[in-house]
N, C-alpha and C. Protein backbone atom coordinates (compact mmCIF):
# COMPACT_ATOMS: atom_id res chain seq x y z
N MET A 1 59.23 295.22 165.49
CA MET A 1 58.41 294.29 166.24
C MET A 1 58.32 294.77 167.69
N SER A 2 57.15 294.66 168.27
CA SER A 2 56.92 295.12 169.63
C SER A 2 56.84 293.92 170.58
N TYR A 3 57.43 294.09 171.75
CA TYR A 3 57.44 293.02 172.75
C TYR A 3 56.91 293.56 174.07
N ALA A 4 56.23 292.71 174.81
CA ALA A 4 55.84 293.07 176.16
C ALA A 4 57.08 293.02 177.06
N HIS A 5 57.95 292.05 176.81
CA HIS A 5 59.18 291.88 177.59
C HIS A 5 60.27 291.38 176.64
N LEU A 6 61.47 291.88 176.84
CA LEU A 6 62.63 291.39 176.12
C LEU A 6 63.62 290.90 177.15
N PHE A 7 63.85 289.60 177.18
CA PHE A 7 64.78 289.02 178.14
C PHE A 7 66.14 288.86 177.50
N LYS A 8 67.16 289.26 178.22
CA LYS A 8 68.53 289.13 177.73
C LYS A 8 69.26 288.10 178.59
N TYR A 9 69.97 287.20 177.90
CA TYR A 9 70.70 286.13 178.56
C TYR A 9 72.18 286.21 178.23
N ILE A 10 72.97 285.62 179.10
CA ILE A 10 74.39 285.43 178.84
C ILE A 10 74.71 283.97 179.15
N ILE A 11 75.56 283.40 178.33
CA ILE A 11 75.99 282.02 178.55
C ILE A 11 77.47 282.09 178.91
N ILE A 12 77.80 281.61 180.12
CA ILE A 12 79.16 281.73 180.62
C ILE A 12 79.68 280.38 181.09
N GLY A 13 80.97 280.28 181.18
CA GLY A 13 81.63 279.07 181.64
C GLY A 13 82.98 278.94 180.96
N ASP A 14 83.74 277.96 181.37
CA ASP A 14 85.07 277.75 180.83
C ASP A 14 85.04 277.42 179.34
N VAL A 15 86.18 277.57 178.70
CA VAL A 15 86.33 277.23 177.30
C VAL A 15 86.11 275.73 177.11
N GLY A 16 85.40 275.38 176.07
CA GLY A 16 85.22 273.97 175.71
C GLY A 16 84.10 273.23 176.41
N VAL A 17 83.28 273.92 177.18
CA VAL A 17 82.20 273.23 177.90
C VAL A 17 80.94 273.08 177.06
N GLY A 18 80.90 273.74 175.89
CA GLY A 18 79.76 273.58 174.99
C GLY A 18 78.78 274.74 174.97
N LYS A 19 79.22 275.93 175.35
CA LYS A 19 78.32 277.09 175.39
C LYS A 19 77.78 277.43 174.00
N SER A 20 78.66 277.51 173.01
CA SER A 20 78.23 277.84 171.65
C SER A 20 77.34 276.75 171.08
N CYS A 21 77.66 275.50 171.38
CA CYS A 21 76.84 274.39 170.89
C CYS A 21 75.45 274.41 171.51
N LEU A 22 75.35 274.76 172.79
CA LEU A 22 74.03 274.89 173.42
C LEU A 22 73.21 275.97 172.73
N LEU A 23 73.84 277.11 172.48
CA LEU A 23 73.14 278.20 171.82
C LEU A 23 72.70 277.80 170.42
N LEU A 24 73.57 277.16 169.68
CA LEU A 24 73.24 276.73 168.32
C LEU A 24 72.11 275.71 168.33
N GLN A 25 72.12 274.82 169.29
CA GLN A 25 71.04 273.83 169.40
C GLN A 25 69.72 274.52 169.74
N PHE A 26 69.77 275.52 170.61
CA PHE A 26 68.56 276.23 171.00
C PHE A 26 68.01 277.07 169.86
N THR A 27 68.86 277.80 169.16
CA THR A 27 68.38 278.73 168.13
C THR A 27 68.15 278.07 166.78
N ASP A 28 69.01 277.12 166.40
CA ASP A 28 68.94 276.53 165.06
C ASP A 28 68.58 275.05 165.04
N LYS A 29 68.46 274.44 166.23
CA LYS A 29 68.13 273.01 166.32
C LYS A 29 69.15 272.14 165.58
N ARG A 30 70.42 272.49 165.76
CA ARG A 30 71.47 271.68 165.13
C ARG A 30 72.71 271.66 166.01
N PHE A 31 73.55 270.67 165.76
CA PHE A 31 74.77 270.47 166.53
C PHE A 31 75.97 270.65 165.61
N GLN A 32 76.92 271.45 166.05
CA GLN A 32 78.18 271.64 165.33
C GLN A 32 79.30 271.53 166.35
N PRO A 33 80.06 270.43 166.32
CA PRO A 33 81.01 270.15 167.40
C PRO A 33 82.23 271.06 167.47
N LEU A 34 82.67 271.66 166.36
CA LEU A 34 83.89 272.45 166.38
C LEU A 34 83.58 273.93 166.24
N HIS A 35 84.18 274.73 167.12
CA HIS A 35 83.97 276.17 167.11
C HIS A 35 85.28 276.88 167.44
N ASP A 36 85.46 278.06 166.88
CA ASP A 36 86.52 278.96 167.32
C ASP A 36 86.00 279.65 168.57
N PRO A 37 86.89 280.24 169.38
CA PRO A 37 86.40 281.02 170.53
C PRO A 37 85.41 282.07 170.04
N THR A 38 84.28 282.16 170.74
CA THR A 38 83.21 283.03 170.26
C THR A 38 82.91 284.16 171.23
N ILE A 39 82.45 285.22 170.65
CA ILE A 39 81.80 286.29 171.39
C ILE A 39 80.72 286.77 170.44
N ASP A 40 79.50 286.46 170.76
CA ASP A 40 78.43 286.63 169.80
C ASP A 40 77.14 287.03 170.51
N THR A 41 76.34 287.79 169.82
CA THR A 41 75.01 288.13 170.30
C THR A 41 74.00 287.59 169.31
N GLU A 42 73.07 286.80 169.80
CA GLU A 42 72.05 286.26 168.93
C GLU A 42 70.75 286.20 169.71
N PHE A 43 69.71 286.84 169.17
CA PHE A 43 68.41 286.86 169.82
C PHE A 43 68.52 287.34 171.26
N GLN A 44 69.40 288.29 171.52
CA GLN A 44 69.63 288.81 172.86
C GLN A 44 70.11 287.74 173.81
N ILE A 45 70.79 286.75 173.28
CA ILE A 45 71.48 285.75 174.10
C ILE A 45 72.95 285.93 173.77
N TRP A 46 73.74 286.35 174.73
CA TRP A 46 75.15 286.60 174.48
C TRP A 46 75.95 285.34 174.78
N ASP A 47 76.58 284.83 173.75
CA ASP A 47 77.45 283.68 173.86
C ASP A 47 78.86 284.22 174.05
N THR A 48 79.47 283.88 175.16
CA THR A 48 80.76 284.47 175.50
C THR A 48 81.87 283.44 175.45
N PRO A 49 83.10 283.90 175.22
CA PRO A 49 84.23 282.98 175.23
C PRO A 49 84.59 282.64 176.67
N GLY A 50 85.11 281.45 176.89
CA GLY A 50 85.48 281.03 178.24
C GLY A 50 86.93 281.30 178.59
N GLU A 51 87.68 281.81 177.64
CA GLU A 51 89.10 282.04 177.88
C GLU A 51 89.31 283.25 178.79
N ASP A 52 90.30 283.16 179.67
CA ASP A 52 90.58 284.24 180.62
C ASP A 52 90.86 285.57 179.93
N ARG A 53 91.49 285.53 178.76
CA ARG A 53 91.85 286.78 178.09
C ARG A 53 90.63 287.58 177.65
N PHE A 54 89.45 286.93 177.58
CA PHE A 54 88.23 287.62 177.20
C PHE A 54 87.34 287.94 178.41
N ARG A 55 87.80 287.62 179.60
CA ARG A 55 86.97 287.75 180.80
C ARG A 55 86.47 289.17 181.02
N SER A 56 87.31 290.17 180.77
CA SER A 56 86.87 291.56 181.00
C SER A 56 85.77 291.96 180.02
N ILE A 57 85.81 291.45 178.80
CA ILE A 57 84.75 291.72 177.83
C ILE A 57 83.46 291.07 178.31
N THR A 58 83.55 289.83 178.74
CA THR A 58 82.38 289.11 179.24
C THR A 58 81.75 289.86 180.41
N ARG A 59 82.58 290.36 181.32
CA ARG A 59 82.07 291.09 182.49
C ARG A 59 81.26 292.32 182.09
N SER A 60 81.59 292.92 180.96
CA SER A 60 80.88 294.13 180.54
C SER A 60 79.43 293.85 180.16
N TYR A 61 79.08 292.61 179.90
CA TYR A 61 77.72 292.25 179.53
C TYR A 61 76.80 292.06 180.75
N TYR A 62 77.36 291.77 181.90
CA TYR A 62 76.57 291.33 183.05
C TYR A 62 75.45 292.27 183.47
N ASP A 63 75.69 293.57 183.47
CA ASP A 63 74.68 294.49 183.98
C ASP A 63 73.50 294.66 183.03
N GLU A 64 73.59 294.10 181.82
CA GLU A 64 72.53 294.21 180.82
C GLU A 64 71.59 293.01 180.79
N VAL A 65 71.94 291.93 181.49
CA VAL A 65 71.20 290.68 181.31
C VAL A 65 70.23 290.39 182.45
N ASP A 66 69.21 289.61 182.08
CA ASP A 66 68.20 289.18 183.04
C ASP A 66 68.46 287.77 183.55
N GLY A 67 69.14 286.98 182.72
CA GLY A 67 69.40 285.60 183.06
C GLY A 67 70.75 285.14 182.57
N ALA A 68 71.31 284.18 183.28
CA ALA A 68 72.60 283.62 182.89
C ALA A 68 72.52 282.10 182.93
N LEU A 69 73.15 281.48 181.96
CA LEU A 69 73.36 280.05 181.97
C LEU A 69 74.83 279.83 182.26
N LEU A 70 75.12 279.25 183.40
CA LEU A 70 76.48 278.95 183.84
C LEU A 70 76.72 277.48 183.49
N VAL A 71 77.60 277.23 182.52
CA VAL A 71 77.74 275.91 181.92
C VAL A 71 79.04 275.24 182.35
N TYR A 72 78.94 273.94 182.65
CA TYR A 72 80.13 273.12 182.88
C TYR A 72 79.95 271.81 182.12
N ASP A 73 81.04 271.11 181.94
CA ASP A 73 81.09 269.85 181.20
C ASP A 73 81.10 268.71 182.21
N ILE A 74 80.09 267.83 182.17
CA ILE A 74 80.01 266.74 183.15
C ILE A 74 81.12 265.71 182.99
N THR A 75 81.84 265.76 181.87
CA THR A 75 82.90 264.77 181.64
C THR A 75 84.27 265.25 182.09
N ARG A 76 84.35 266.47 182.61
CA ARG A 76 85.64 267.03 183.02
C ARG A 76 85.71 267.21 184.52
N CYS A 77 86.83 266.83 185.08
CA CYS A 77 87.14 267.04 186.49
C CYS A 77 86.12 266.38 187.41
N SER A 78 86.10 266.82 188.62
CA SER A 78 85.14 266.33 189.60
C SER A 78 84.66 267.49 190.44
N TYR A 79 83.72 267.21 191.31
CA TYR A 79 83.12 268.26 192.12
C TYR A 79 84.17 269.05 192.90
N ASP A 80 85.16 268.37 193.42
CA ASP A 80 86.18 269.02 194.25
C ASP A 80 87.35 269.56 193.43
N ASP A 81 87.31 269.37 192.14
CA ASP A 81 88.43 269.72 191.30
C ASP A 81 88.29 271.12 190.70
N LEU A 82 89.18 271.43 189.80
CA LEU A 82 89.32 272.76 189.23
C LEU A 82 88.05 273.31 188.59
N GLN A 83 87.30 272.49 187.87
CA GLN A 83 86.13 273.00 187.14
C GLN A 83 85.13 273.67 188.08
N PHE A 84 84.87 273.07 189.22
CA PHE A 84 83.91 273.68 190.14
C PHE A 84 84.49 274.92 190.81
N ASN A 85 85.82 274.99 190.95
CA ASN A 85 86.44 276.24 191.41
C ASN A 85 86.22 277.33 190.39
N HIS A 86 86.32 276.99 189.11
CA HIS A 86 86.06 277.97 188.05
C HIS A 86 84.59 278.39 188.06
N LEU A 87 83.68 277.46 188.29
CA LEU A 87 82.26 277.82 188.37
C LEU A 87 82.03 278.84 189.47
N ALA A 88 82.66 278.63 190.61
CA ALA A 88 82.52 279.57 191.72
C ALA A 88 83.06 280.94 191.33
N SER A 89 84.14 280.98 190.57
CA SER A 89 84.69 282.25 190.11
C SER A 89 83.75 282.95 189.14
N TRP A 90 83.21 282.21 188.17
CA TRP A 90 82.22 282.78 187.25
C TRP A 90 81.02 283.33 188.03
N LEU A 91 80.57 282.57 189.00
CA LEU A 91 79.41 282.96 189.79
C LEU A 91 79.69 284.22 190.61
N ARG A 92 80.88 284.33 191.17
CA ARG A 92 81.25 285.56 191.90
C ARG A 92 81.19 286.77 190.99
N ASP A 93 81.71 286.63 189.77
CA ASP A 93 81.66 287.74 188.81
C ASP A 93 80.22 288.15 188.53
N VAL A 94 79.38 287.17 188.26
CA VAL A 94 77.98 287.46 187.94
C VAL A 94 77.30 288.16 189.11
N LYS A 95 77.46 287.63 190.29
CA LYS A 95 76.77 288.21 191.45
C LYS A 95 77.31 289.59 191.80
N ARG A 96 78.55 289.85 191.50
CA ARG A 96 79.16 291.14 191.80
C ARG A 96 78.78 292.19 190.76
N LEU A 97 78.65 291.79 189.50
CA LEU A 97 78.50 292.76 188.42
C LEU A 97 77.11 292.83 187.80
N ALA A 98 76.27 291.85 188.07
CA ALA A 98 74.95 291.80 187.43
C ALA A 98 73.87 292.39 188.33
N LYS A 99 72.67 292.43 187.77
CA LYS A 99 71.50 292.85 188.55
C LYS A 99 71.37 291.96 189.78
N ASP A 100 70.86 292.55 190.86
CA ASP A 100 70.73 291.80 192.11
C ASP A 100 69.87 290.56 191.98
N ASN A 101 68.82 290.64 191.21
CA ASN A 101 67.86 289.54 191.14
C ASN A 101 67.95 288.74 189.85
N MET A 102 69.12 288.75 189.24
CA MET A 102 69.28 288.00 188.00
C MET A 102 69.07 286.51 188.25
N THR A 103 68.43 285.86 187.30
CA THR A 103 68.17 284.43 187.39
C THR A 103 69.34 283.67 186.76
N ILE A 104 69.86 282.71 187.51
CA ILE A 104 71.01 281.94 187.03
C ILE A 104 70.67 280.46 187.04
N MET A 105 70.93 279.82 185.91
CA MET A 105 70.75 278.38 185.80
C MET A 105 72.12 277.73 185.61
N LEU A 106 72.40 276.72 186.40
CA LEU A 106 73.59 275.91 186.24
C LEU A 106 73.26 274.79 185.27
N VAL A 107 74.05 274.66 184.21
CA VAL A 107 73.81 273.65 183.18
C VAL A 107 74.98 272.68 183.15
N GLY A 108 74.72 271.43 183.52
CA GLY A 108 75.70 270.37 183.37
C GLY A 108 75.57 269.85 181.95
N ASN A 109 76.49 270.21 181.09
CA ASN A 109 76.38 269.90 179.67
C ASN A 109 77.04 268.57 179.33
N LYS A 110 76.65 268.04 178.19
CA LYS A 110 77.19 266.80 177.61
C LYS A 110 76.69 265.56 178.34
N CYS A 111 75.44 265.60 178.82
CA CYS A 111 74.90 264.44 179.54
C CYS A 111 74.71 263.23 178.63
N ASP A 112 74.83 263.42 177.31
CA ASP A 112 74.79 262.27 176.39
C ASP A 112 76.05 261.42 176.53
N LEU A 113 77.08 261.95 177.18
CA LEU A 113 78.34 261.23 177.38
C LEU A 113 78.43 260.69 178.81
N SER A 114 77.33 260.17 179.31
CA SER A 114 77.28 259.73 180.70
C SER A 114 78.29 258.62 181.01
N GLN A 115 78.68 257.84 180.01
CA GLN A 115 79.69 256.80 180.24
C GLN A 115 81.06 257.40 180.57
N ARG A 116 81.26 258.68 180.25
CA ARG A 116 82.51 259.38 180.56
C ARG A 116 82.35 260.38 181.71
N ARG A 117 81.25 260.28 182.41
CA ARG A 117 80.90 261.24 183.46
C ARG A 117 81.99 261.31 184.54
N ALA A 118 82.38 262.56 184.87
CA ALA A 118 83.31 262.82 185.97
C ALA A 118 82.61 263.58 187.11
N VAL A 119 81.50 264.24 186.79
CA VAL A 119 80.72 264.98 187.78
C VAL A 119 79.33 264.36 187.83
N SER A 120 78.94 263.87 188.98
CA SER A 120 77.63 263.23 189.11
C SER A 120 76.51 264.27 189.08
N TYR A 121 75.32 263.81 188.76
CA TYR A 121 74.14 264.67 188.79
C TYR A 121 73.99 265.27 190.19
N GLU A 122 74.22 264.46 191.20
CA GLU A 122 74.06 264.91 192.58
C GLU A 122 75.05 266.02 192.93
N GLU A 123 76.29 265.93 192.40
CA GLU A 123 77.28 266.97 192.65
C GLU A 123 76.86 268.29 192.01
N GLY A 124 76.36 268.22 190.79
CA GLY A 124 75.86 269.42 190.13
C GLY A 124 74.69 270.02 190.88
N ARG A 125 73.76 269.18 191.27
CA ARG A 125 72.58 269.62 192.03
C ARG A 125 73.02 270.27 193.35
N LYS A 126 74.00 269.67 194.03
CA LYS A 126 74.49 270.20 195.30
C LYS A 126 75.06 271.61 195.11
N PHE A 127 75.90 271.79 194.08
CA PHE A 127 76.48 273.11 193.81
C PHE A 127 75.37 274.13 193.55
N ALA A 128 74.39 273.74 192.74
CA ALA A 128 73.27 274.63 192.43
C ALA A 128 72.50 275.00 193.69
N ASN A 129 72.19 274.02 194.52
CA ASN A 129 71.45 274.29 195.76
C ASN A 129 72.23 275.20 196.70
N GLU A 130 73.53 274.95 196.82
CA GLU A 130 74.37 275.77 197.72
C GLU A 130 74.41 277.23 197.30
N HIS A 131 74.21 277.49 196.01
CA HIS A 131 74.33 278.84 195.49
C HIS A 131 73.00 279.43 195.00
N GLY A 132 71.90 278.75 195.27
CA GLY A 132 70.59 279.26 194.90
C GLY A 132 70.34 279.32 193.41
N LEU A 133 70.84 278.34 192.68
CA LEU A 133 70.72 278.31 191.23
C LEU A 133 69.69 277.28 190.79
N ILE A 134 69.08 277.51 189.65
CA ILE A 134 68.27 276.50 188.99
C ILE A 134 69.26 275.51 188.39
N PHE A 135 68.89 274.24 188.26
CA PHE A 135 69.83 273.25 187.76
C PHE A 135 69.18 272.35 186.72
N VAL A 136 69.97 272.05 185.69
CA VAL A 136 69.55 271.09 184.67
C VAL A 136 70.80 270.47 184.07
N GLU A 137 70.69 269.21 183.69
CA GLU A 137 71.72 268.61 182.84
C GLU A 137 71.16 268.58 181.43
N ALA A 138 72.02 268.87 180.46
CA ALA A 138 71.58 268.99 179.07
C ALA A 138 72.62 268.37 178.14
N SER A 139 72.19 268.21 176.90
CA SER A 139 73.10 267.73 175.85
C SER A 139 72.93 268.61 174.62
N GLU A 140 74.00 269.30 174.27
CA GLU A 140 73.95 270.11 173.06
C GLU A 140 73.90 269.24 171.82
N LYS A 141 74.32 267.99 171.93
CA LYS A 141 74.34 267.08 170.79
C LYS A 141 72.96 266.50 170.51
N THR A 142 72.29 266.02 171.54
CA THR A 142 70.97 265.38 171.36
C THR A 142 69.81 266.33 171.60
N ALA A 143 70.09 267.53 172.10
CA ALA A 143 69.10 268.56 172.42
C ALA A 143 68.34 268.28 173.72
N GLN A 144 68.71 267.25 174.44
CA GLN A 144 68.04 266.93 175.70
C GLN A 144 68.15 268.12 176.67
N ASN A 145 67.01 268.61 177.10
CA ASN A 145 66.86 269.68 178.10
C ASN A 145 67.41 271.03 177.68
N VAL A 146 67.82 271.21 176.43
CA VAL A 146 68.35 272.51 176.00
C VAL A 146 67.23 273.55 176.01
N GLU A 147 66.18 273.30 175.29
CA GLU A 147 65.06 274.25 175.26
C GLU A 147 64.43 274.39 176.65
N GLU A 148 64.31 273.30 177.37
CA GLU A 148 63.71 273.32 178.70
C GLU A 148 64.48 274.23 179.64
N GLY A 149 65.82 274.24 179.51
CA GLY A 149 66.64 275.12 180.35
C GLY A 149 66.33 276.58 180.12
N PHE A 150 66.23 276.98 178.85
CA PHE A 150 65.90 278.37 178.54
C PHE A 150 64.47 278.69 178.97
N VAL A 151 63.55 277.79 178.72
CA VAL A 151 62.15 278.04 179.07
C VAL A 151 61.96 278.15 180.58
N GLN A 152 62.61 277.27 181.32
CA GLN A 152 62.49 277.31 182.78
C GLN A 152 63.07 278.62 183.33
N THR A 153 64.21 279.02 182.83
CA THR A 153 64.83 280.28 183.27
C THR A 153 63.93 281.47 182.93
N THR A 154 63.37 281.46 181.73
CA THR A 154 62.46 282.53 181.31
C THR A 154 61.25 282.59 182.22
N GLY A 155 60.72 281.44 182.60
CA GLY A 155 59.57 281.40 183.50
C GLY A 155 59.86 282.06 184.84
N VAL A 156 61.05 281.81 185.37
CA VAL A 156 61.43 282.41 186.65
C VAL A 156 61.58 283.92 186.51
N ILE A 157 62.20 284.37 185.41
CA ILE A 157 62.34 285.81 185.18
C ILE A 157 60.97 286.47 185.04
N TYR A 158 60.09 285.85 184.29
CA TYR A 158 58.76 286.40 184.08
C TYR A 158 57.99 286.50 185.41
N LYS A 159 58.14 285.50 186.24
CA LYS A 159 57.48 285.52 187.56
C LYS A 159 58.02 286.67 188.39
N LYS A 160 59.31 286.93 188.32
CA LYS A 160 59.91 288.05 189.05
C LYS A 160 59.33 289.37 188.55
N ILE A 161 59.10 289.48 187.26
CA ILE A 161 58.48 290.70 186.70
C ILE A 161 57.07 290.86 187.24
N GLN A 162 56.30 289.76 187.22
CA GLN A 162 54.93 289.81 187.73
C GLN A 162 54.88 290.17 189.20
N ASP A 163 55.86 289.70 189.95
CA ASP A 163 55.91 289.96 191.40
C ASP A 163 56.52 291.32 191.75
N GLY A 164 56.94 292.08 190.71
CA GLY A 164 57.48 293.40 190.93
C GLY A 164 58.95 293.42 191.36
N VAL A 165 59.63 292.29 191.23
CA VAL A 165 61.05 292.24 191.59
C VAL A 165 61.88 293.07 190.62
N PHE A 166 61.51 293.04 189.33
CA PHE A 166 62.16 293.86 188.31
C PHE A 166 61.28 295.03 187.99
């Protein structure tokens, strides 16, 4: 099959934030709540494990990708707590090892569990704005904003191609 453009993505974030579930919802339109730690390539979207022991493997993918989805769980921690420190660490890795103009979307996952929310929409938006990221809250369970996140990121990458950035 011939393509005008082939976009490669990586999904990164801590263990248990729903990276594999987001990918499964996007590719297969289904939700599966339990997963073993994954390292998988599907449709040129690399689903990576969030465990520290796999971090060096995950880093090896960065220079090959056009876009990244940096995922956190809205029901865990708070803006000033550990989870956002981990996001900053993931983001440092991406910016250090990936293409200069890679498009990154911050995904606040599990928004269907808003009654258990620990991170507000505004806190997620603030982190994204501070770091120049696209932002969306999504639910891997209900599919809310899952496809929209990938489509919006793809649109930004495509615009960069048209503008000669890539």
